[in-house]
């Protein structure tokens, strides 16, 4: 029983540490608009480049949802 408990604790510790390291990452190295452009064009084929860039800025700008500010009344989704 002791071996199972130690094994479970070890697995939890390893997974927790790996998750923490992955989550910490490098917060300054996000994907730029140019890197995201092919994915955005695939998801929104009818949007113009200007519309895609506006959407990217709404998500990744100073008040965007993707910069850690969370859900607030001024985020992209409340503008529509």
PDB file of N, CA and C in Angstrom:
ATOM      1  N   UNK A   1       0.815  -1.190   0.000  1.00  0.00           N
ATOM      2  CA  UNK A   1       0.000   0.000   0.000  1.00  0.00           C
ATOM      3  C   UNK A   1       0.862   1.258   0.000  1.00  0.00           C
ATOM      4  N   UNK A   2       1.990   1.193   0.736  1.00  0.00           N
ATOM      5  CA  UNK A   2       2.888   2.326   0.820  1.00  0.00           C
ATOM      6  C   UNK A   2       3.501   2.639  -0.550  1.00  0.00           C
ATOM      7  N   UNK A   3       3.821   1.600  -1.324  1.00  0.00           N
ATOM      8  CA  UNK A   3       4.405   1.788  -2.650  1.00  0.00           C
ATOM      9  C   UNK A   3       3.422   2.486  -3.590  1.00  0.00           C
ATOM     10  N   UNK A   4       2.155   2.126  -3.488  1.00  0.00           N
ATOM     11  CA  UNK A   4       1.136   2.748  -4.333  1.00  0.00           C
ATOM     12  C   UNK A   4       0.983   4.226  -3.973  1.00  0.00           C
ATOM     13  N   UNK A   5       0.975   4.532  -2.684  1.00  0.00           N
ATOM     14  CA  UNK A   5       0.841   5.925  -2.239  1.00  0.00           C
ATOM     15  C   UNK A   5       2.038   6.755  -2.694  1.00  0.00           C
ATOM     16  N   UNK A   6       3.241   6.216  -2.549  1.00  0.00           N
ATOM     17  CA  UNK A   6       4.441   6.934  -2.988  1.00  0.00           C
ATOM     18  C   UNK A   6       4.426   7.107  -4.506  1.00  0.00           C
ATOM     19  N   UNK A   7       4.004   6.097  -5.229  1.00  0.00           N
ATOM     20  CA  UNK A   7       3.924   6.188  -6.683  1.00  0.00           C
ATOM     21  C   UNK A   7       2.917   7.231  -7.132  1.00  0.00           C
ATOM     22  N   UNK A   8       1.748   7.259  -6.512  1.00  0.00           N
ATOM     23  CA  UNK A   8       0.727   8.254  -6.853  1.00  0.00           C
ATOM     24  C   UNK A   8       1.212   9.661  -6.531  1.00  0.00           C
ATOM     25  N   UNK A   9       1.870   9.831  -5.387  1.00  0.00           N
ATOM     26  CA  UNK A   9       2.408  11.127  -5.011  1.00  0.00           C
ATOM     27  C   UNK A   9       3.469  11.580  -6.013  1.00  0.00           C
ATOM     28  N   UNK A  10       4.324  10.657  -6.428  1.00  0.00           N
ATOM     29  CA  UNK A  10       5.376  10.979  -7.392  1.00  0.00           C
ATOM     30  C   UNK A  10       4.785  11.414  -8.728  1.00  0.00           C
ATOM     31  N   UNK A  11       3.787  10.690  -9.193  1.00  0.00           N
ATOM     32  CA  UNK A  11       3.141  11.039 -10.466  1.00  0.00           C
ATOM     33  C   UNK A  11       2.491  12.411 -10.366  1.00  0.00           C
ATOM     34  N   UNK A  12       1.793  12.668  -9.264  1.00  0.00           N
ATOM     35  CA  UNK A  12       1.148  13.974  -9.082  1.00  0.00           C
ATOM     36  C   UNK A  12       2.180  15.094  -9.042  1.00  0.00           C
ATOM     37  N   UNK A  13       3.290  14.874  -8.383  1.00  0.00           N
ATOM     38  CA  UNK A  13       4.346  15.876  -8.291  1.00  0.00           C
ATOM     39  C   UNK A  13       4.955  16.158  -9.660  1.00  0.00           C
ATOM     40  N   UNK A  14       5.247  15.118 -10.411  1.00  0.00           N
ATOM     41  CA  UNK A  14       5.839  15.280 -11.740  1.00  0.00           C
ATOM     42  C   UNK A  14       4.877  16.001 -12.680  1.00  0.00           C
ATOM     43  N   UNK A  15       3.614  15.579 -12.689  1.00  0.00           N
ATOM     44  CA  UNK A  15       2.635  16.238 -13.557  1.00  0.00           C
ATOM     45  C   UNK A  15       2.397  17.686 -13.135  1.00  0.00           C
ATOM     46  N   UNK A  16       2.350  17.935 -11.842  1.00  0.00           N
ATOM     47  CA  UNK A  16       2.159  19.303 -11.354  1.00  0.00           C
ATOM     48  C   UNK A  16       3.317  20.201 -11.724  1.00  0.00           C
ATOM     49  N   UNK A  17       4.534  19.714 -11.559  1.00  0.00           N
ATOM     50  CA  UNK A  17       5.711  20.503 -11.912  1.00  0.00           C
ATOM     51  C   UNK A  17       5.760  20.761 -13.413  1.00  0.00           C
ATOM     52  N   UNK A  18       5.444  19.751 -14.208  1.00  0.00           N
ATOM     53  CA  UNK A  18       5.430  19.926 -15.664  1.00  0.00           C
ATOM     54  C   UNK A  18       4.397  20.934 -16.099  1.00  0.00           C
ATOM     55  N   UNK A  19       3.235  20.900 -15.480  1.00  0.00           N
ATOM     56  CA  UNK A  19       2.187  21.856 -15.803  1.00  0.00           C
ATOM     57  C   UNK A  19       2.607  23.272 -15.427  1.00  0.00           C
ATOM     58  N   UNK A  20       3.232  23.424 -14.274  1.00  0.00           N
ATOM     59  CA  UNK A  20       3.677  24.753 -13.835  1.00  0.00           C
ATOM     60  C   UNK A  20       4.725  25.321 -14.782  1.00  0.00           C
ATOM     61  N   UNK A  21       5.662  24.497 -15.195  1.00  0.00           N
ATOM     62  CA  UNK A  21       6.702  24.952 -16.115  1.00  0.00           C
ATOM     63  C   UNK A  21       6.086  25.327 -17.458  1.00  0.00           C
ATOM     64  N   UNK A  22       5.166  24.510 -17.943  1.00  0.00           N
ATOM     65  CA  UNK A  22       4.510  24.805 -19.218  1.00  0.00           C
ATOM     66  C   UNK A  22       3.706  26.093 -19.127  1.00  0.00           C
ATOM     67  N   UNK A  23       2.978  26.290 -18.039  1.00  0.00           N
ATOM     68  CA  UNK A  23       2.138  27.471 -17.889  1.00  0.00           C
ATOM     69  C   UNK A  23       2.978  28.732 -17.729  1.00  0.00           C
ATOM     70  N   UNK A  24       4.115  28.627 -17.069  1.00  0.00           N
ATOM     71  CA  UNK A  24       4.963  29.798 -16.882  1.00  0.00           C
ATOM     72  C   UNK A  24       5.505  30.284 -18.211  1.00  0.00           C
ATOM     73  N   UNK A  25       6.042  29.370 -18.989  1.00  0.00           N
ATOM     74  CA  UNK A  25       6.525  29.684 -20.328  1.00  0.00           C
ATOM     75  C   UNK A  25       7.216  31.025 -20.416  1.00  0.00           C
ATOM     76  N   UNK A  26       7.099  31.641 -21.562  1.00  0.00           N
ATOM     77  CA  UNK A  26       7.620  32.986 -21.766  1.00  0.00           C
ATOM     78  C   UNK A  26       6.434  33.867 -22.127  1.00  0.00           C
ATOM     79  N   UNK A  27       5.915  34.628 -21.183  1.00  0.00           N
ATOM     80  CA  UNK A  27       4.705  35.397 -21.447  1.00  0.00           C
ATOM     81  C   UNK A  27       4.884  36.483 -22.511  1.00  0.00           C
ATOM     82  N   UNK A  28       6.127  36.907 -22.735  1.00  0.00           N
ATOM     83  CA  UNK A  28       6.351  37.947 -23.740  1.00  0.00           C
ATOM     84  C   UNK A  28       6.366  37.399 -25.154  1.00  0.00           C
ATOM     85  N   UNK A  29       6.451  36.098 -25.298  1.00  0.00           N
ATOM     86  CA  UNK A  29       6.549  35.517 -26.627  1.00  0.00           C
ATOM     87  C   UNK A  29       5.197  34.952 -27.043  1.00  0.00           C
ATOM     88  N   UNK A  30       4.292  35.836 -27.407  1.00  0.00           N
ATOM     89  CA  UNK A  30       3.020  35.413 -27.943  1.00  0.00           C
ATOM     90  C   UNK A  30       3.130  35.281 -29.447  1.00  0.00           C
ATOM     91  N   UNK A  31       2.093  34.813 -30.064  1.00  0.00           N
ATOM     92  CA  UNK A  31       2.117  34.718 -31.509  1.00  0.00           C
ATOM     93  C   UNK A  31       1.726  36.060 -32.103  1.00  0.00           C
ATOM     94  N   UNK A  32       2.520  36.529 -33.030  1.00  0.00           N
ATOM     95  CA  UNK A  32       2.240  37.810 -33.669  1.00  0.00           C
ATOM     96  C   UNK A  32       1.105  37.653 -34.672  1.00  0.00           C
ATOM     97  N   UNK A  33       0.612  38.782 -35.129  1.00  0.00           N
ATOM     98  CA  UNK A  33      -0.466  38.763 -36.111  1.00  0.00           C
ATOM     99  C   UNK A  33      -0.034  38.016 -37.370  1.00  0.00           C
ATOM    100  N   UNK A  34       1.205  38.215 -37.788  1.00  0.00           N
ATOM    101  CA  UNK A  34       1.700  37.554 -39.005  1.00  0.00           C
ATOM    102  C   UNK A  34       1.733  36.032 -38.820  1.00  0.00           C
ATOM    103  N   UNK A  35       2.086  35.569 -37.622  1.00  0.00           N
ATOM    104  CA  UNK A  35       2.108  34.135 -37.359  1.00  0.00           C
ATOM    105  C   UNK A  35       0.704  33.546 -37.285  1.00  0.00           C
ATOM    106  N   UNK A  36      -0.243  34.336 -36.795  1.00  0.00           N
ATOM    107  CA  UNK A  36      -1.620  33.863 -36.642  1.00  0.00           C
ATOM    108  C   UNK A  36      -2.432  33.981 -37.928  1.00  0.00           C
ATOM    109  N   UNK A  37      -1.985  34.791 -38.863  1.00  0.00           N
ATOM    110  CA  UNK A  37      -2.746  35.094 -40.072  1.00  0.00           C
ATOM    111  C   UNK A  37      -3.236  33.847 -40.826  1.00  0.00           C
ATOM    112  N   UNK A  38      -2.401  32.840 -41.095  1.00  0.00           N
ATOM    113  CA  UNK A  38      -2.901  31.665 -41.829  1.00  0.00           C
ATOM    114  C   UNK A  38      -4.036  30.945 -41.100  1.00  0.00           C
ATOM    115  N   UNK A  39      -3.957  30.853 -39.778  1.00  0.00           N
ATOM    116  CA  UNK A  39      -5.008  30.190 -39.008  1.00  0.00           C
ATOM    117  C   UNK A  39      -6.291  31.017 -39.012  1.00  0.00           C
ATOM    118  N   UNK A  40      -6.124  32.325 -38.876  1.00  0.00           N
ATOM    119  CA  UNK A  40      -7.296  33.204 -38.859  1.00  0.00           C
ATOM    120  C   UNK A  40      -7.997  33.211 -40.217  1.00  0.00           C
ATOM    121  N   UNK A  41      -7.205  33.202 -41.286  1.00  0.00           N
ATOM    122  CA  UNK A  41      -7.804  33.166 -42.630  1.00  0.00           C
ATOM    123  C   UNK A  41      -8.563  31.859 -42.857  1.00  0.00           C
ATOM    124  N   UNK A  42      -8.045  30.773 -42.309  1.00  0.00           N
ATOM    125  CA  UNK A  42      -8.714  29.480 -42.457  1.00  0.00           C
ATOM    126  C   UNK A  42     -10.032  29.455 -41.679  1.00  0.00           C
ATOM    127  N   UNK A  43     -10.033  30.052 -40.485  1.00  0.00           N
ATOM    128  CA  UNK A  43     -11.236  30.055 -39.658  1.00  0.00           C
ATOM    129  C   UNK A  43     -12.274  31.073 -40.136  1.00  0.00           C
ATOM    130  N   UNK A  44     -11.800  32.167 -40.732  1.00  0.00           N
ATOM    131  CA  UNK A  44     -12.693  33.245 -41.172  1.00  0.00           C
ATOM    132  C   UNK A  44     -12.366  33.619 -42.617  1.00  0.00           C
ATOM    133  N   UNK A  45     -12.709  32.774 -43.570  1.00  0.00           N
ATOM    134  CA  UNK A  45     -12.291  33.012 -44.957  1.00  0.00           C
ATOM    135  C   UNK A  45     -12.923  34.250 -45.597  1.00  0.00           C
ATOM    136  N   UNK A  46     -14.041  34.734 -45.069  1.00  0.00           N
ATOM    137  CA  UNK A  46     -14.708  35.889 -45.674  1.00  0.00           C
ATOM    138  C   UNK A  46     -14.240  37.224 -45.109  1.00  0.00           C
ATOM    139  N   UNK A  47     -13.374  37.202 -44.093  1.00  0.00           N
ATOM    140  CA  UNK A  47     -12.912  38.440 -43.475  1.00  0.00           C
ATOM    141  C   UNK A  47     -11.777  39.047 -44.295  1.00  0.00           C
ATOM    142  N   UNK A  48     -11.710  40.376 -44.304  1.00  0.00           N
ATOM    143  CA  UNK A  48     -10.587  41.065 -44.950  1.00  0.00           C
ATOM    144  C   UNK A  48      -9.410  41.072 -43.981  1.00  0.00           C
ATOM    145  N   UNK A  49      -8.249  41.437 -44.492  1.00  0.00           N
ATOM    146  CA  UNK A  49      -7.061  41.520 -43.650  1.00  0.00           C
ATOM    147  C   UNK A  49      -7.268  42.534 -42.532  1.00  0.00           C
ATOM    148  N   UNK A  50      -7.926  43.650 -42.847  1.00  0.00           N
ATOM    149  CA  UNK A  50      -8.174  44.684 -41.842  1.00  0.00           C
ATOM    150  C   UNK A  50      -9.099  44.163 -40.730  1.00  0.00           C
ATOM    151  N   UNK A  51     -10.131  43.408 -41.110  1.00  0.00           N
ATOM    152  CA  UNK A  51     -11.040  42.844 -40.113  1.00  0.00           C
ATOM    153  C   UNK A  51     -10.317  41.830 -39.223  1.00  0.00           C
ATOM    154  N   UNK A  52      -9.466  41.001 -39.832  1.00  0.00           N
ATOM    155  CA  UNK A  52      -8.705  40.018 -39.068  1.00  0.00           C
ATOM    156  C   UNK A  52      -7.741  40.699 -38.104  1.00  0.00           C
ATOM    157  N   UNK A  53      -7.085  41.759 -38.585  1.00  0.00           N
ATOM    158  CA  UNK A  53      -6.150  42.474 -37.724  1.00  0.00           C
ATOM    159  C   UNK A  53      -6.886  43.155 -36.573  1.00  0.00           C
ATOM    160  N   UNK A  54      -8.061  43.696 -36.850  1.00  0.00           N
ATOM    161  CA  UNK A  54      -8.867  44.295 -35.790  1.00  0.00           C
ATOM    162  C   UNK A  54      -9.280  43.264 -34.753  1.00  0.00           C
ATOM    163  N   UNK A  55      -9.679  42.085 -35.213  1.00  0.00           N
ATOM    164  CA  UNK A  55     -10.061  41.018 -34.296  1.00  0.00           C
ATOM    165  C   UNK A  55      -8.851  40.590 -33.458  1.00  0.00           C
ATOM    166  N   UNK A  56      -7.696  40.455 -34.083  1.00  0.00           N
ATOM    167  CA  UNK A  56      -6.474  40.087 -33.363  1.00  0.00           C
ATOM    168  C   UNK A  56      -6.158  41.134 -32.293  1.00  0.00           C
ATOM    169  N   UNK A  57      -6.250  42.410 -32.667  1.00  0.00           N
ATOM    170  CA  UNK A  57      -5.956  43.481 -31.708  1.00  0.00           C
ATOM    171  C   UNK A  57      -6.969  43.513 -30.570  1.00  0.00           C
ATOM    172  N   UNK A  58      -8.228  43.208 -30.862  1.00  0.00           N
ATOM    173  CA  UNK A  58      -9.238  43.152 -29.804  1.00  0.00           C
ATOM    174  C   UNK A  58      -8.925  42.047 -28.804  1.00  0.00           C
ATOM    175  N   UNK A  59      -8.389  40.947 -29.296  1.00  0.00           N
ATOM    176  CA  UNK A  59      -8.074  39.817 -28.405  1.00  0.00           C
ATOM    177  C   UNK A  59      -6.740  39.987 -27.687  1.00  0.00           C
ATOM    178  N   UNK A  60      -5.752  40.550 -28.368  1.00  0.00           N
ATOM    179  CA  UNK A  60      -4.401  40.589 -27.830  1.00  0.00           C
ATOM    180  C   UNK A  60      -3.946  41.969 -27.416  1.00  0.00           C
ATOM    181  N   UNK A  61      -4.777  42.982 -27.564  1.00  0.00           N
ATOM    182  CA  UNK A  61      -4.412  44.343 -27.181  1.00  0.00           C
ATOM    183  C   UNK A  61      -4.371  44.513 -25.680  1.00  0.00           C
ATOM    184  N   UNK A  62      -4.220  45.747 -25.227  1.00  0.00           N
ATOM    185  CA  UNK A  62      -4.075  46.011 -23.790  1.00  0.00           C
ATOM    186  C   UNK A  62      -5.313  45.616 -22.997  1.00  0.00           C
ATOM    187  N   UNK A  63      -6.479  45.668 -23.593  1.00  0.00           N
ATOM    188  CA  UNK A  63      -7.709  45.279 -22.903  1.00  0.00           C
ATOM    189  C   UNK A  63      -8.249  43.948 -23.416  1.00  0.00           C
ATOM    190  N   UNK A  64      -7.447  43.209 -24.164  1.00  0.00           N
ATOM    191  CA  UNK A  64      -7.903  41.970 -24.773  1.00  0.00           C
ATOM    192  C   UNK A  64      -8.037  40.809 -23.810  1.00  0.00           C
ATOM    193  N   UNK A  65      -8.809  39.823 -24.227  1.00  0.00           N
ATOM    194  CA  UNK A  65      -9.045  38.655 -23.397  1.00  0.00           C
ATOM    195  C   UNK A  65      -7.802  37.777 -23.289  1.00  0.00           C
ATOM    196  N   UNK A  66      -6.901  37.816 -24.255  1.00  0.00           N
ATOM    197  CA  UNK A  66      -5.762  36.906 -24.280  1.00  0.00           C
ATOM    198  C   UNK A  66      -4.535  37.453 -23.545  1.00  0.00           C
ATOM    199  N   UNK A  67      -4.648  38.619 -22.922  1.00  0.00           N
ATOM    200  CA  UNK A  67      -3.492  39.168 -22.231  1.00  0.00           C
ATOM    201  C   UNK A  67      -3.593  39.041 -20.724  1.00  0.00           C
ATOM    202  N   UNK A  68      -4.549  38.275 -20.247  1.00  0.00           N
ATOM    203  CA  UNK A  68      -4.670  38.040 -18.819  1.00  0.00           C
ATOM    204  C   UNK A  68      -5.593  38.992 -18.094  1.00  0.00           C
ATOM    205  N   UNK A  69      -6.231  39.907 -18.802  1.00  0.00           N
ATOM    206  CA  UNK A  69      -7.124  40.840 -18.117  1.00  0.00           C
ATOM    207  C   UNK A  69      -8.449  40.191 -17.759  1.00  0.00           C
ATOM    208  N   UNK A  70      -8.723  39.020 -18.325  1.00  0.00           N
ATOM    209  CA  UNK A  70      -9.940  38.295 -17.989  1.00  0.00           C
ATOM    210  C   UNK A  70     -11.172  38.885 -18.651  1.00  0.00           C
ATOM    211  N   UNK A  71     -12.298  38.445 -18.186  1.00  0.00           N
ATOM    212  CA  UNK A  71     -13.555  38.922 -18.745  1.00  0.00           C
ATOM    213  C   UNK A  71     -13.931  40.242 -18.077  1.00  0.00           C
ATOM    214  N   UNK A  72     -14.056  41.261 -18.873  1.00  0.00           N
ATOM    215  CA  UNK A  72     -14.536  42.528 -18.355  1.00  0.00           C
ATOM    216  C   UNK A  72     -15.552  43.098 -19.330  1.00  0.00           C
ATOM    217  N   UNK A  73     -16.157  44.186 -18.991  1.00  0.00           N
ATOM    218  CA  UNK A  73     -17.244  44.713 -19.815  1.00  0.00           C
ATOM    219  C   UNK A  73     -16.748  45.348 -21.106  1.00  0.00           C
ATOM    220  N   UNK A  74     -15.461  45.555 -21.234  1.00  0.00           N
ATOM    221  CA  UNK A  74     -14.927  46.212 -22.418  1.00  0.00           C
ATOM    222  C   UNK A  74     -14.178  45.254 -23.349  1.00  0.00           C
ATOM    223  N   UNK A  75     -14.368  43.951 -23.189  1.00  0.00           N
ATOM    224  CA  UNK A  75     -13.637  43.024 -24.041  1.00  0.00           C
ATOM    225  C   UNK A  75     -14.302  42.867 -25.406  1.00  0.00           C
ATOM    226  N   UNK A  76     -13.693  42.113 -26.277  1.00  0.00           N
ATOM    227  CA  UNK A  76     -14.149  41.984 -27.657  1.00  0.00           C
ATOM    228  C   UNK A  76     -15.582  41.483 -27.764  1.00  0.00           C
ATOM    229  N   UNK A  77     -15.963  40.527 -26.948  1.00  0.00           N
ATOM    230  CA  UNK A  77     -17.278  39.907 -27.088  1.00  0.00           C
ATOM    231  C   UNK A  77     -18.399  40.856 -26.746  1.00  0.00           C
ATOM    232  N   UNK A  78     -18.154  41.850 -25.945  1.00  0.00           N
ATOM    233  CA  UNK A  78     -19.223  42.759 -25.563  1.00  0.00           C
ATOM    234  C   UNK A  78     -19.375  43.901 -26.564  1.00  0.00           C
ATOM    235  N   UNK A  79     -18.504  43.971 -27.564  1.00  0.00           N
ATOM    236  CA  UNK A  79     -18.592  45.032 -28.560  1.00  0.00           C
ATOM    237  C   UNK A  79     -19.621  44.745 -29.638  1.00  0.00           C
ATOM    238  N   UNK A  80     -20.084  43.516 -29.716  1.00  0.00           N
ATOM    239  CA  UNK A  80     -21.016  43.141 -30.793  1.00  0.00           C
ATOM    240  C   UNK A  80     -22.438  43.202 -30.341  1.00  0.00           C
TER     241      UNK A  80
END
